Amino acid sequence: MLRTIVIGSCVSVQGLFVRDLPNGYIAVRVGDKIFSGVPVNALAA
């Protein structure tokens, strides 16, 4: 499942969900790299 995270104040990354982290962040995989950051909430339509 694709998820989007925010790293820092203005950088966002979209990748495949890897796992939830204990600090409330999530990890996503982009190619062979794994990034962690704050998940972006989905907007209600």
Protein backbone atom coordinates (compact mmCIF):
# COMPACT_ATOMS: atom_id res chain seq x y z
CA MET A 1 0.00 0.00 0.00
CA LEU A 2 1.36 3.43 -0.92
CA ARG A 3 1.73 5.91 1.93
CA THR A 4 2.96 9.49 2.09
CA ILE A 5 5.14 10.88 4.86
CA VAL A 6 6.56 14.31 5.66
CA ILE A 7 10.25 14.65 6.47
CA GLY A 8 11.23 17.98 7.97
CA SER A 9 9.06 21.00 7.27
CA CYS A 10 8.41 20.71 3.54
CA VAL A 11 9.77 17.46 2.08
CA SER A 12 7.28 14.68 1.42
CA VAL A 13 8.01 11.12 0.30
CA GLN A 14 5.59 8.58 -1.15
CA GLY A 15 6.44 4.90 -1.05
CA LEU A 16 5.40 1.41 -0.04
CA PHE A 17 4.41 1.04 3.63
CA VAL A 18 6.99 -0.93 5.64
CA ARG A 19 6.00 -0.61 9.33
CA ASP A 20 4.68 1.58 12.14
CA LEU A 21 7.36 2.94 14.45
CA PRO A 22 6.99 3.36 18.24
CA ASN A 23 7.30 7.17 18.06
CA GLY A 24 4.20 7.55 15.83
CA TYR A 25 6.18 7.76 12.61
CA ILE A 26 5.90 5.22 9.80
CA ALA A 27 8.54 3.78 7.49
CA VAL A 28 8.14 3.64 3.70
CA ARG A 29 10.33 2.03 1.05
CA VAL A 30 11.36 3.87 -2.13
CA GLY A 31 13.50 1.61 -4.27
CA ASP A 32 16.19 0.22 -1.98
CA LYS A 33 15.95 3.05 0.59
CA ILE A 34 13.71 3.25 3.65
CA PHE A 35 12.51 6.64 4.93
CA SER A 36 10.70 7.40 8.19
CA GLY A 37 8.52 10.38 8.94
CA VAL A 38 5.15 11.71 10.01
CA PRO A 39 2.26 10.10 8.10
CA VAL A 40 0.03 12.37 6.03
CA ASN A 41 -3.65 11.97 6.88
CA ALA A 42 -6.08 11.24 4.06
CA LEU A 43 -8.63 13.94 3.28
CA ALA A 44 -12.32 13.09 3.38
CA ALA A 45 -14.00 13.49 -0.01
